[in-house]
Amino acid sequence: MVSIHAQEASRRVRALHASHRRAARSYCERYARGTDVLSLASALDMPPCSLLRLLLETLYGMAPRASAAALRDPGQLPDPLPACYAGADGPQLTRQRLVADLQRVVAWVRGH
């Protein structure tokens, strides 16, 4: 059962990859306004780690390998955020929040 579930999840992610890429800016805006990363991933029917990778790649212009490295070691995350997100309306998007969410998502994935 677990294997079948993993295969279905993988198929779904591959099928929706292009549409998620096109909507990445809107995901960043929702996240910057304070939407919780786990609830956003759930609403998008997207694995939380994949969502965070997409957010990092969009926010910082990171290459896929760099975003994967940031998931493994959040300390590698560059300090200054792009100006368009650093002063967004509502809760500020900070490096500290990104690092905390990276750690939460990795802990969440390990727990599942």
C-alpha atoms as a PDB file:
ATOM      1  CA  MET A   1       0.000   0.000   0.000  1.00  0.00           C
ATOM      2  CA  VAL A   2       2.766   2.437   0.884  1.00  0.00           C
ATOM      3  CA  SER A   3       4.516   1.767  -2.406  1.00  0.00           C
ATOM      4  CA  ILE A   4       1.315   2.329  -4.384  1.00  0.00           C
ATOM      5  CA  HIS A   5       0.662   5.566  -2.516  1.00  0.00           C
ATOM      6  CA  ALA A   6       4.230   6.768  -3.201  1.00  0.00           C
ATOM      7  CA  GLN A   7       3.883   5.947  -6.907  1.00  0.00           C
ATOM      8  CA  GLU A   8       0.575   7.810  -7.140  1.00  0.00           C
ATOM      9  CA  ALA A   9       2.033  10.850  -5.360  1.00  0.00           C
ATOM     10  CA  SER A  10       5.044  10.837  -7.674  1.00  0.00           C
ATOM     11  CA  ARG A  11       2.829  10.594 -10.760  1.00  0.00           C
ATOM     12  CA  ARG A  12       0.676  13.478  -9.542  1.00  0.00           C
ATOM     13  CA  VAL A  13       3.718  15.694  -8.878  1.00  0.00           C
ATOM     14  CA  ARG A  14       5.137  14.997 -12.352  1.00  0.00           C
ATOM     15  CA  ALA A  15       1.783  15.710 -14.005  1.00  0.00           C
ATOM     16  CA  LEU A  16       1.360  19.053 -12.238  1.00  0.00           C
ATOM     17  CA  HIS A  17       4.992  20.207 -12.308  1.00  0.00           C
ATOM     18  CA  ALA A  18       4.615  22.649 -15.223  1.00  0.00           C
ATOM     19  CA  SER A  19       1.482  24.278 -13.813  1.00  0.00           C
ATOM     20  CA  HIS A  20       3.167  24.710 -10.419  1.00  0.00           C
ATOM     21  CA  ARG A  21       6.174  26.334 -12.120  1.00  0.00           C
ATOM     22  CA  ARG A  22       3.893  28.790 -13.913  1.00  0.00           C
ATOM     23  CA  ALA A  23       2.122  29.681 -10.646  1.00  0.00           C
ATOM     24  CA  ALA A  24       5.306  29.954  -8.565  1.00  0.00           C
ATOM     25  CA  ARG A  25       5.130  33.761  -8.214  1.00  0.00           C
ATOM     26  CA  SER A  26       1.597  33.595  -6.818  1.00  0.00           C
ATOM     27  CA  TYR A  27       2.700  30.893  -4.352  1.00  0.00           C
ATOM     28  CA  CYS A  28       5.549  33.165  -3.227  1.00  0.00           C
ATOM     29  CA  GLU A  29       3.142  36.036  -2.742  1.00  0.00           C
ATOM     30  CA  ARG A  30       0.770  33.894  -0.668  1.00  0.00           C
ATOM     31  CA  TYR A  31       3.683  32.638   1.429  1.00  0.00           C
ATOM     32  CA  ALA A  32       5.057  36.176   1.871  1.00  0.00           C
ATOM     33  CA  ARG A  33       1.636  37.350   3.103  1.00  0.00           C
ATOM     34  CA  GLY A  34       1.846  34.824   5.929  1.00  0.00           C
ATOM     35  CA  THR A  35       0.260  31.616   4.655  1.00  0.00           C
ATOM     36  CA  ASP A  36       1.723  28.642   6.499  1.00  0.00           C
ATOM     37  CA  VAL A  37       3.916  26.511   4.261  1.00  0.00           C
ATOM     38  CA  LEU A  38       2.306  23.218   5.317  1.00  0.00           C
ATOM     39  CA  SER A  39      -1.228  24.494   4.792  1.00  0.00           C
ATOM     40  CA  LEU A  40      -0.230  25.984   1.420  1.00  0.00           C
ATOM     41  CA  ALA A  41       1.279  22.664   0.346  1.00  0.00           C
ATOM     42  CA  SER A  42      -1.879  20.879   1.430  1.00  0.00           C
ATOM     43  CA  ALA A  43      -4.113  23.345  -0.437  1.00  0.00           C
ATOM     44  CA  LEU A  44      -2.002  22.905  -3.584  1.00  0.00           C
ATOM     45  CA  ASP A  45      -1.869  19.107  -3.187  1.00  0.00           C
ATOM     46  CA  MET A  46       1.897  19.347  -3.379  1.00  0.00           C
ATOM     47  CA  PRO A  47       4.571  17.754  -1.193  1.00  0.00           C
ATOM     48  CA  PRO A  48       5.894  20.366   1.279  1.00  0.00           C
ATOM     49  CA  CYS A  49       9.543  19.802   0.308  1.00  0.00           C
ATOM     50  CA  SER A  50       8.705  20.305  -3.361  1.00  0.00           C
ATOM     51  CA  LEU A  51       6.850  23.492  -2.537  1.00  0.00           C
ATOM     52  CA  LEU A  52       9.754  24.865  -0.504  1.00  0.00           C
ATOM     53  CA  ARG A  53      12.196  24.012  -3.290  1.00  0.00           C
ATOM     54  CA  LEU A  54       9.972  25.861  -5.742  1.00  0.00           C
ATOM     55  CA  LEU A  55       9.711  28.845  -3.385  1.00  0.00           C
ATOM     56  CA  LEU A  56      13.486  28.998  -2.917  1.00  0.00           C
ATOM     57  CA  GLU A  57      14.132  28.704  -6.642  1.00  0.00           C
ATOM     58  CA  THR A  58      11.619  31.487  -7.331  1.00  0.00           C
ATOM     59  CA  LEU A  59      12.537  33.825  -4.470  1.00  0.00           C
ATOM     60  CA  TYR A  60      16.295  33.586  -4.850  1.00  0.00           C
ATOM     61  CA  GLY A  61      16.681  32.380  -8.421  1.00  0.00           C
ATOM     62  CA  MET A  62      18.436  29.304  -7.030  1.00  0.00           C
ATOM     63  CA  ALA A  63      19.384  26.371  -9.172  1.00  0.00           C
ATOM     64  CA  PRO A  64      17.680  23.077  -8.252  1.00  0.00           C
ATOM     65  CA  ARG A  65      20.886  21.742  -6.663  1.00  0.00           C
ATOM     66  CA  ALA A  66      21.221  24.842  -4.494  1.00  0.00           C
ATOM     67  CA  SER A  67      17.627  24.556  -3.270  1.00  0.00           C
ATOM     68  CA  ALA A  68      18.205  20.875  -2.450  1.00  0.00           C
ATOM     69  CA  ALA A  69      21.328  21.869  -0.509  1.00  0.00           C
ATOM     70  CA  ALA A  70      19.301  24.484   1.396  1.00  0.00           C
ATOM     71  CA  LEU A  71      16.847  21.743   2.433  1.00  0.00           C
ATOM     72  CA  ARG A  72      19.760  19.709   3.781  1.00  0.00           C
ATOM     73  CA  ASP A  73      21.452  22.700   5.437  1.00  0.00           C
ATOM     74  CA  PRO A  74      19.266  25.794   5.904  1.00  0.00           C
ATOM     75  CA  GLY A  75      22.368  27.722   6.982  1.00  0.00           C
ATOM     76  CA  GLN A  76      23.341  27.884   3.291  1.00  0.00           C
ATOM     77  CA  LEU A  77      20.343  30.093   2.587  1.00  0.00           C
ATOM     78  CA  PRO A  78      21.478  33.524   1.337  1.00  0.00           C
ATOM     79  CA  ASP A  79      20.774  36.302   3.813  1.00  0.00           C
ATOM     80  CA  PRO A  80      19.184  39.155   1.897  1.00  0.00           C
ATOM     81  CA  LEU A  81      15.722  38.448   0.548  1.00  0.00           C
ATOM     82  CA  PRO A  82      14.626  39.990  -2.719  1.00  0.00           C
ATOM     83  CA  ALA A  83      13.243  43.466  -1.995  1.00  0.00           C
ATOM     84  CA  CYS A  84       9.797  42.675  -3.396  1.00  0.00           C
ATOM     85  CA  TYR A  85       9.236  40.100  -0.628  1.00  0.00           C
ATOM     86  CA  ALA A  86      11.176  41.643   2.246  1.00  0.00           C
ATOM     87  CA  GLY A  87       8.569  44.366   2.761  1.00  0.00           C
ATOM     88  CA  ALA A  88       5.374  42.614   1.687  1.00  0.00           C
ATOM     89  CA  ASP A  89       2.057  43.706   3.213  1.00  0.00           C
ATOM     90  CA  GLY A  90       1.237  41.749   6.334  1.00  0.00           C
ATOM     91  CA  PRO A  91       3.806  39.496   7.976  1.00  0.00           C
ATOM     92  CA  GLN A  92       7.316  40.133   6.720  1.00  0.00           C
ATOM     93  CA  LEU A  93       9.040  37.360   4.858  1.00  0.00           C
ATOM     94  CA  THR A  94      12.355  36.921   6.619  1.00  0.00           C
ATOM     95  CA  ARG A  95      15.292  34.572   6.310  1.00  0.00           C
ATOM     96  CA  GLN A  96      14.529  33.439   9.854  1.00  0.00           C
ATOM     97  CA  ARG A  97      11.010  32.361   8.822  1.00  0.00           C
ATOM     98  CA  LEU A  98      12.336  30.526   5.773  1.00  0.00           C
ATOM     99  CA  VAL A  99      14.940  28.674   7.854  1.00  0.00           C
ATOM    100  CA  ALA A 100      12.318  27.744  10.468  1.00  0.00           C
ATOM    101  CA  ASP A 101       9.958  26.501   7.748  1.00  0.00           C
ATOM    102  CA  LEU A 102      12.737  24.511   6.089  1.00  0.00           C
ATOM    103  CA  GLN A 103      13.401  22.790   9.408  1.00  0.00           C
ATOM    104  CA  ARG A 104       9.660  22.209  10.040  1.00  0.00           C
ATOM    105  CA  VAL A 105       9.099  20.686   6.615  1.00  0.00           C
ATOM    106  CA  VAL A 106      12.100  18.367   6.885  1.00  0.00           C
ATOM    107  CA  ALA A 107      10.917  17.262  10.355  1.00  0.00           C
ATOM    108  CA  TRP A 108       7.386  16.778   8.988  1.00  0.00           C
ATOM    109  CA  VAL A 109       8.636  14.608   6.123  1.00  0.00           C
ATOM    110  CA  ARG A 110      10.759  12.496   8.475  1.00  0.00           C
ATOM    111  CA  GLY A 111       7.712  11.970  10.681  1.00  0.00           C
ATOM    112  CA  HIS A 112       5.608  10.628   7.791  1.00  0.00           C
END
